[in-house]
Amino acid sequence: MPRLSGDLIVAVWRTLPLGLVGAAGGTGLLMAALSRATGEAGEWLALPLLRAAILAFAMGLVFLLDDPARHTTATVPTPRPIRIALRVALVVPVVAAWWTAALLLVPRDLRPPVADITLEAGAAFVLAVAAAAVAVRRSDITRPGPRLAAGLLTSAMLVLLFWPGRWALLVPVEDERWAAAHDRWAVVLAGAAVVGVLGAVEPLRRWYWRMVPGR
């Protein structure tokens, strides 16, 4: 089994898109902080603002596997699943710290149930990384992040506008569907984790989505 050396950890850390993730995280924290400045509207805006913060940070996480040197590192002895797992492991403390800060920015009396909203955040973050893993596995582009970010934002808007009410995911705390919605979020989280693991595995046959104009 390949061993993780300090040099490998440092090398992977240096390739992480921390600037993009940091910018997305800063935007998200600003959104969460707005719940402190909304006055009487804060009670019903706090949850949407926190969800917007989650989406903003998730849009940063889709850049996690962007690697301009991808085709060079593909020849190194360390398998790709280990390299991807290392990238994820390095960013997990950053994600945990960001989420803690986002929650603390929302006033205690306006904060939604922490366990449930954390489930939503976890599902969104895992889904973002899973999408990146699938894009890397199924294409030869080195920076799928911009397209994935656009796709994530579009998908979020479609869910908000057209998702069937009987399968609602984004419901207010006082809605009677709150518990059922978070059962669905648990399914989304589990499904995203499975997709992410499968996406990280080396394909038996290398075939890619070719980004060729006119095809």
C-alpha atoms as a PDB file:
ATOM      1  CA  MET A   1       0.000   0.000   0.000  1.00  0.00           C
ATOM      2  CA  PRO A   2       1.462   3.408  -0.954  1.00  0.00           C
ATOM      3  CA  ARG A   3       2.691   5.472   1.974  1.00  0.00           C
ATOM      4  CA  LEU A   4       1.902   9.138   2.387  1.00  0.00           C
ATOM      5  CA  SER A   5       5.119  11.060   2.687  1.00  0.00           C
ATOM      6  CA  GLY A   6       5.481  14.546   4.047  1.00  0.00           C
ATOM      7  CA  ASP A   7       6.643  15.702   0.626  1.00  0.00           C
ATOM      8  CA  LEU A   8       3.458  14.384  -0.984  1.00  0.00           C
ATOM      9  CA  ILE A   9       1.263  16.095   1.602  1.00  0.00           C
ATOM     10  CA  VAL A  10       3.089  19.401   1.098  1.00  0.00           C
ATOM     11  CA  ALA A  11       2.893  19.059  -2.678  1.00  0.00           C
ATOM     12  CA  VAL A  12      -0.852  18.381  -2.602  1.00  0.00           C
ATOM     13  CA  TRP A  13      -1.424  21.243  -0.162  1.00  0.00           C
ATOM     14  CA  ARG A  14       0.324  23.647  -2.525  1.00  0.00           C
ATOM     15  CA  THR A  15      -1.954  22.644  -5.400  1.00  0.00           C
ATOM     16  CA  LEU A  16      -5.178  23.187  -3.474  1.00  0.00           C
ATOM     17  CA  PRO A  17      -7.226  26.122  -4.860  1.00  0.00           C
ATOM     18  CA  LEU A  18      -7.293  27.803  -1.468  1.00  0.00           C
ATOM     19  CA  GLY A  19      -7.817  31.243  -2.980  1.00  0.00           C
ATOM     20  CA  LEU A  20     -11.041  30.210  -4.693  1.00  0.00           C
ATOM     21  CA  VAL A  21     -12.260  28.245  -1.695  1.00  0.00           C
ATOM     22  CA  GLY A  22     -11.403  31.183   0.566  1.00  0.00           C
ATOM     23  CA  ALA A  23     -13.235  33.663  -1.646  1.00  0.00           C
ATOM     24  CA  ALA A  24     -16.323  31.452  -1.713  1.00  0.00           C
ATOM     25  CA  GLY A  25     -16.096  30.967   2.029  1.00  0.00           C
ATOM     26  CA  GLY A  26     -15.775  34.703   2.643  1.00  0.00           C
ATOM     27  CA  THR A  27     -18.846  35.355   0.519  1.00  0.00           C
ATOM     28  CA  GLY A  28     -20.747  32.716   2.445  1.00  0.00           C
ATOM     29  CA  LEU A  29     -19.769  34.156   5.819  1.00  0.00           C
ATOM     30  CA  LEU A  30     -20.888  37.589   4.678  1.00  0.00           C
ATOM     31  CA  MET A  31     -24.287  36.149   3.776  1.00  0.00           C
ATOM     32  CA  ALA A  32     -24.567  34.426   7.146  1.00  0.00           C
ATOM     33  CA  ALA A  33     -23.594  37.657   8.921  1.00  0.00           C
ATOM     34  CA  LEU A  34     -26.416  39.530   7.174  1.00  0.00           C
ATOM     35  CA  SER A  35     -28.827  37.727   9.486  1.00  0.00           C
ATOM     36  CA  ARG A  36     -27.575  40.051  12.243  1.00  0.00           C
ATOM     37  CA  ALA A  37     -28.499  43.157  10.283  1.00  0.00           C
ATOM     38  CA  THR A  38     -31.938  42.319   8.981  1.00  0.00           C
ATOM     39  CA  GLY A  39     -33.926  43.735  11.907  1.00  0.00           C
ATOM     40  CA  GLU A  40     -37.447  42.402  12.198  1.00  0.00           C
ATOM     41  CA  ALA A  41     -37.029  40.430   8.964  1.00  0.00           C
ATOM     42  CA  GLY A  42     -34.201  38.415  10.507  1.00  0.00           C
ATOM     43  CA  GLU A  43     -36.525  35.735  11.850  1.00  0.00           C
ATOM     44  CA  TRP A  44     -37.557  34.572   8.382  1.00  0.00           C
ATOM     45  CA  LEU A  45     -34.392  35.583   6.495  1.00  0.00           C
ATOM     46  CA  ALA A  46     -31.879  33.803   8.745  1.00  0.00           C
ATOM     47  CA  LEU A  47     -32.489  30.332   7.279  1.00  0.00           C
ATOM     48  CA  PRO A  48     -32.460  31.420   3.586  1.00  0.00           C
ATOM     49  CA  LEU A  49     -29.292  33.428   4.220  1.00  0.00           C
ATOM     50  CA  LEU A  50     -27.602  30.454   5.854  1.00  0.00           C
ATOM     51  CA  ARG A  51     -28.637  28.241   2.950  1.00  0.00           C
ATOM     52  CA  ALA A  52     -27.253  30.833   0.529  1.00  0.00           C
ATOM     53  CA  ALA A  53     -23.997  30.752   2.506  1.00  0.00           C
ATOM     54  CA  ILE A  54     -23.888  26.953   2.148  1.00  0.00           C
ATOM     55  CA  LEU A  55     -24.407  27.243  -1.606  1.00  0.00           C
ATOM     56  CA  ALA A  56     -21.672  29.872  -1.902  1.00  0.00           C
ATOM     57  CA  PHE A  57     -19.138  27.716  -0.091  1.00  0.00           C
ATOM     58  CA  ALA A  58     -20.174  24.605  -2.038  1.00  0.00           C
ATOM     59  CA  MET A  59     -19.490  26.541  -5.244  1.00  0.00           C
ATOM     60  CA  GLY A  60     -15.943  27.019  -3.979  1.00  0.00           C
ATOM     61  CA  LEU A  61     -15.537  23.336  -3.141  1.00  0.00           C
ATOM     62  CA  VAL A  62     -16.257  22.245  -6.717  1.00  0.00           C
ATOM     63  CA  PHE A  63     -12.823  23.677  -7.541  1.00  0.00           C
ATOM     64  CA  LEU A  64     -11.135  21.334  -5.031  1.00  0.00           C
ATOM     65  CA  LEU A  65      -9.914  18.834  -7.629  1.00  0.00           C
ATOM     66  CA  ASP A  66      -8.843  21.400 -10.232  1.00  0.00           C
ATOM     67  CA  ASP A  67      -5.209  20.673 -11.034  1.00  0.00           C
ATOM     68  CA  PRO A  68      -3.367  22.270 -13.983  1.00  0.00           C
ATOM     69  CA  ALA A  69      -0.669  19.583 -13.621  1.00  0.00           C
ATOM     70  CA  ARG A  70      -3.186  16.766 -13.630  1.00  0.00           C
ATOM     71  CA  HIS A  71      -1.812  15.001 -16.703  1.00  0.00           C
ATOM     72  CA  THR A  72       1.678  15.094 -15.233  1.00  0.00           C
ATOM     73  CA  THR A  73       0.696  13.778 -11.814  1.00  0.00           C
ATOM     74  CA  ALA A  74      -1.277  10.966 -13.439  1.00  0.00           C
ATOM     75  CA  THR A  75       2.035   9.153 -13.958  1.00  0.00           C
ATOM     76  CA  VAL A  76       3.191   9.291 -10.326  1.00  0.00           C
ATOM     77  CA  PRO A  77       3.205   6.072  -8.224  1.00  0.00           C
ATOM     78  CA  THR A  78       0.521   7.305  -5.810  1.00  0.00           C
ATOM     79  CA  PRO A  79      -2.907   6.212  -7.152  1.00  0.00           C
ATOM     80  CA  ARG A  80      -5.457   8.886  -7.938  1.00  0.00           C
ATOM     81  CA  PRO A  81      -7.935   7.745  -5.246  1.00  0.00           C
ATOM     82  CA  ILE A  82      -5.284   8.407  -2.607  1.00  0.00           C
ATOM     83  CA  ARG A  83      -4.440  11.802  -4.085  1.00  0.00           C
ATOM     84  CA  ILE A  84      -8.119  12.770  -4.099  1.00  0.00           C
ATOM     85  CA  ALA A  85      -8.633  11.443  -0.570  1.00  0.00           C
ATOM     86  CA  LEU A  86      -5.636  13.487   0.576  1.00  0.00           C
ATOM     87  CA  ARG A  87      -7.047  16.658  -0.968  1.00  0.00           C
ATOM     88  CA  VAL A  88     -10.361  16.057   0.768  1.00  0.00           C
ATOM     89  CA  ALA A  89      -8.684  15.250   4.096  1.00  0.00           C
ATOM     90  CA  LEU A  90      -6.629  18.443   3.965  1.00  0.00           C
ATOM     91  CA  VAL A  91      -9.669  20.626   3.367  1.00  0.00           C
ATOM     92  CA  VAL A  92     -11.978  18.977   5.940  1.00  0.00           C
ATOM     93  CA  PRO A  93     -10.624  21.076   8.871  1.00  0.00           C
ATOM     94  CA  VAL A  94     -11.119  24.209   6.781  1.00  0.00           C
ATOM     95  CA  VAL A  95     -14.717  23.208   6.049  1.00  0.00           C
ATOM     96  CA  ALA A  96     -15.390  22.420   9.709  1.00  0.00           C
ATOM     97  CA  ALA A  97     -13.967  25.766  10.840  1.00  0.00           C
ATOM     98  CA  TRP A  98     -15.938  27.635   8.186  1.00  0.00           C
ATOM     99  CA  TRP A  99     -19.207  25.955   9.129  1.00  0.00           C
ATOM    100  CA  THR A 100     -18.668  26.662  12.814  1.00  0.00           C
ATOM    101  CA  ALA A 101     -18.065  30.327  12.021  1.00  0.00           C
ATOM    102  CA  ALA A 102     -21.140  30.483   9.781  1.00  0.00           C
ATOM    103  CA  LEU A 103     -23.357  29.069  12.515  1.00  0.00           C
ATOM    104  CA  LEU A 104     -21.968  31.431  15.131  1.00  0.00           C
ATOM    105  CA  LEU A 105     -22.641  34.413  12.888  1.00  0.00           C
ATOM    106  CA  VAL A 106     -26.353  33.658  13.014  1.00  0.00           C
ATOM    107  CA  PRO A 107     -27.902  34.917  16.280  1.00  0.00           C
ATOM    108  CA  ARG A 108     -28.749  32.082  18.649  1.00  0.00           C
ATOM    109  CA  ASP A 109     -32.469  32.891  18.713  1.00  0.00           C
ATOM    110  CA  LEU A 110     -32.619  32.877  14.897  1.00  0.00           C
ATOM    111  CA  ARG A 111     -30.435  29.832  14.319  1.00  0.00           C
ATOM    112  CA  PRO A 112     -32.254  26.834  12.779  1.00  0.00           C
ATOM    113  CA  PRO A 113     -31.844  23.376  14.382  1.00  0.00           C
ATOM    114  CA  VAL A 114     -28.107  22.835  14.195  1.00  0.00           C
ATOM    115  CA  ALA A 115     -28.130  19.099  13.467  1.00  0.00           C
ATOM    116  CA  ASP A 116     -30.615  19.454  10.618  1.00  0.00           C
ATOM    117  CA  ILE A 117     -28.999  22.442   8.927  1.00  0.00           C
ATOM    118  CA  THR A 118     -25.592  20.758   9.324  1.00  0.00           C
ATOM    119  CA  LEU A 119     -27.027  17.778   7.463  1.00  0.00           C
ATOM    120  CA  GLU A 120     -28.027  20.113   4.628  1.00  0.00           C
ATOM    121  CA  ALA A 121     -24.562  21.657   4.584  1.00  0.00           C
ATOM    122  CA  GLY A 122     -22.848  18.270   4.636  1.00  0.00           C
ATOM    123  CA  ALA A 123     -24.962  17.010   1.748  1.00  0.00           C
ATOM    124  CA  ALA A 124     -24.222  20.130  -0.316  1.00  0.00           C
ATOM    125  CA  PHE A 125     -20.481  19.967   0.364  1.00  0.00           C
ATOM    126  CA  VAL A 126     -20.181  16.240  -0.342  1.00  0.00           C
ATOM    127  CA  LEU A 127     -22.250  16.660  -3.499  1.00  0.00           C
ATOM    128  CA  ALA A 128     -19.921  19.425  -4.693  1.00  0.00           C
ATOM    129  CA  VAL A 129     -16.805  17.299  -4.194  1.00  0.00           C
ATOM    130  CA  ALA A 130     -18.510  14.250  -5.711  1.00  0.00           C
ATOM    131  CA  ALA A 131     -19.365  16.256  -8.833  1.00  0.00           C
ATOM    132  CA  ALA A 132     -15.722  17.311  -9.084  1.00  0.00           C
ATOM    133  CA  ALA A 133     -14.555  13.692  -8.729  1.00  0.00           C
ATOM    134  CA  VAL A 134     -16.903  12.509 -11.470  1.00  0.00           C
ATOM    135  CA  ALA A 135     -15.847  15.355 -13.768  1.00  0.00           C
ATOM    136  CA  VAL A 136     -12.180  14.479 -13.285  1.00  0.00           C
ATOM    137  CA  ARG A 137     -12.835  10.799 -13.893  1.00  0.00           C
ATOM    138  CA  ARG A 138     -14.953  11.283 -16.989  1.00  0.00           C
ATOM    139  CA  SER A 139     -13.166  14.142 -18.743  1.00  0.00           C
ATOM    140  CA  ASP A 140      -9.646  15.199 -19.613  1.00  0.00           C
ATOM    141  CA  ILE A 141     -10.020  18.869 -18.625  1.00  0.00           C
ATOM    142  CA  THR A 142      -7.713  20.038 -15.858  1.00  0.00           C
ATOM    143  CA  ARG A 143     -10.030  22.694 -14.414  1.00  0.00           C
ATOM    144  CA  PRO A 144     -13.649  21.532 -14.388  1.00  0.00           C
ATOM    145  CA  GLY A 145     -14.442  23.869 -11.480  1.00  0.00           C
ATOM    146  CA  PRO A 146     -15.923  26.833 -13.409  1.00  0.00           C
ATOM    147  CA  ARG A 147     -18.374  24.651 -15.315  1.00  0.00           C
ATOM    148  CA  LEU A 148     -19.311  22.727 -12.186  1.00  0.00           C
ATOM    149  CA  ALA A 149     -19.889  25.946 -10.244  1.00  0.00           C
ATOM    150  CA  ALA A 150     -22.231  27.199 -12.964  1.00  0.00           C
ATOM    151  CA  GLY A 151     -23.996  23.840 -13.005  1.00  0.00           C
ATOM    152  CA  LEU A 152     -24.375  23.827  -9.228  1.00  0.00           C
ATOM    153  CA  LEU A 153     -25.874  27.316  -9.203  1.00  0.00           C
ATOM    154  CA  THR A 154     -28.263  26.411 -12.022  1.00  0.00           C
ATOM    155  CA  SER A 155     -29.277  23.192 -10.277  1.00  0.00           C
ATOM    156  CA  ALA A 156     -29.949  25.059  -7.041  1.00  0.00           C
ATOM    157  CA  MET A 157     -32.209  27.499  -8.862  1.00  0.00           C
ATOM    158  CA  LEU A 158     -34.083  24.675 -10.586  1.00  0.00           C
ATOM    159  CA  VAL A 159     -34.590  22.877  -7.273  1.00  0.00           C
ATOM    160  CA  LEU A 160     -35.873  26.091  -5.712  1.00  0.00           C
ATOM    161  CA  LEU A 161     -38.276  26.814  -8.554  1.00  0.00           C
ATOM    162  CA  PHE A 162     -39.436  23.439  -9.849  1.00  0.00           C
ATOM    163  CA  TRP A 163     -38.724  20.729  -7.262  1.00  0.00           C
ATOM    164  CA  PRO A 164     -41.982  18.836  -6.495  1.00  0.00           C
ATOM    165  CA  GLY A 165     -43.530  19.886  -3.189  1.00  0.00           C
ATOM    166  CA  ARG A 166     -44.122  16.297  -2.119  1.00  0.00           C
ATOM    167  CA  TRP A 167     -40.331  15.757  -2.158  1.00  0.00           C
ATOM    168  CA  ALA A 168     -39.504  19.140  -0.681  1.00  0.00           C
ATOM    169  CA  LEU A 169     -35.951  19.769   0.493  1.00  0.00           C
ATOM    170  CA  LEU A 170     -35.867  23.501   1.195  1.00  0.00           C
ATOM    171  CA  VAL A 171     -38.612  24.081   3.739  1.00  0.00           C
ATOM    172  CA  PRO A 172     -38.878  26.545   6.656  1.00  0.00           C
ATOM    173  CA  VAL A 173     -38.361  25.316  10.199  1.00  0.00           C
ATOM    174  CA  GLU A 174     -42.037  25.655  11.125  1.00  0.00           C
ATOM    175  CA  ASP A 175     -43.144  23.608   8.094  1.00  0.00           C
ATOM    176  CA  GLU A 176     -44.624  20.212   8.991  1.00  0.00           C
ATOM    177  CA  ARG A 177     -42.446  18.683   6.240  1.00  0.00           C
ATOM    178  CA  TRP A 178     -39.212  19.682   8.028  1.00  0.00           C
ATOM    179  CA  ALA A 179     -38.446  16.211   9.426  1.00  0.00           C
ATOM    180  CA  ALA A 180     -39.321  14.425   6.180  1.00  0.00           C
ATOM    181  CA  ALA A 181     -37.229  16.891   4.204  1.00  0.00           C
ATOM    182  CA  HIS A 182     -34.193  16.053   6.304  1.00  0.00           C
ATOM    183  CA  ASP A 183     -34.758  12.357   5.781  1.00  0.00           C
ATOM    184  CA  ARG A 184     -34.381  13.205   2.094  1.00  0.00           C
ATOM    185  CA  TRP A 185     -31.260  15.254   2.813  1.00  0.00           C
ATOM    186  CA  ALA A 186     -29.778  12.171   4.474  1.00  0.00           C
ATOM    187  CA  VAL A 187     -30.463  10.203   1.288  1.00  0.00           C
ATOM    188  CA  VAL A 188     -28.827  12.960  -0.785  1.00  0.00           C
ATOM    189  CA  LEU A 189     -25.773  12.864   1.479  1.00  0.00           C
ATOM    190  CA  ALA A 190     -25.452   9.081   1.273  1.00  0.00           C
ATOM    191  CA  GLY A 191     -25.935   9.091  -2.500  1.00  0.00           C
ATOM    192  CA  ALA A 192     -23.392  11.867  -2.986  1.00  0.00           C
ATOM    193  CA  ALA A 193     -20.852   9.991  -0.862  1.00  0.00           C
ATOM    194  CA  VAL A 194     -21.292   6.838  -2.964  1.00  0.00           C
ATOM    195  CA  VAL A 195     -20.991   8.811  -6.213  1.00  0.00           C
ATOM    196  CA  GLY A 196     -17.891  10.542  -4.889  1.00  0.00           C
ATOM    197  CA  VAL A 197     -16.194   7.280  -3.969  1.00  0.00           C
ATOM    198  CA  LEU A 198     -17.009   5.749  -7.357  1.00  0.00           C
ATOM    199  CA  GLY A 199     -15.830   8.905  -9.089  1.00  0.00           C
ATOM    200  CA  ALA A 200     -12.486   8.753  -7.328  1.00  0.00           C
ATOM    201  CA  VAL A 201     -11.740   5.212  -8.517  1.00  0.00           C
ATOM    202  CA  GLU A 202      -9.459   4.809 -11.518  1.00  0.00           C
ATOM    203  CA  PRO A 203     -11.554   3.828 -14.582  1.00  0.00           C
ATOM    204  CA  LEU A 204     -10.921   0.369 -16.027  1.00  0.00           C
ATOM    205  CA  ARG A 205     -10.944   1.951 -19.452  1.00  0.00           C
ATOM    206  CA  ARG A 206      -9.884   5.511 -19.979  1.00  0.00           C
ATOM    207  CA  TRP A 207     -12.557   7.313 -21.943  1.00  0.00           C
ATOM    208  CA  TYR A 208     -13.371  10.970 -21.639  1.00  0.00           C
ATOM    209  CA  TRP A 209     -15.877  13.590 -22.549  1.00  0.00           C
ATOM    210  CA  ARG A 210     -14.034  15.369 -25.319  1.00  0.00           C
ATOM    211  CA  MET A 211     -14.479  19.113 -25.190  1.00  0.00           C
ATOM    212  CA  VAL A 212     -14.168  19.555 -28.954  1.00  0.00           C
ATOM    213  CA  PRO A 213     -15.978  22.436 -30.687  1.00  0.00           C
ATOM    214  CA  GLY A 214     -18.679  21.275 -33.049  1.00  0.00           C
ATOM    215  CA  ARG A 215     -19.157  17.852 -31.432  1.00  0.00           C
END
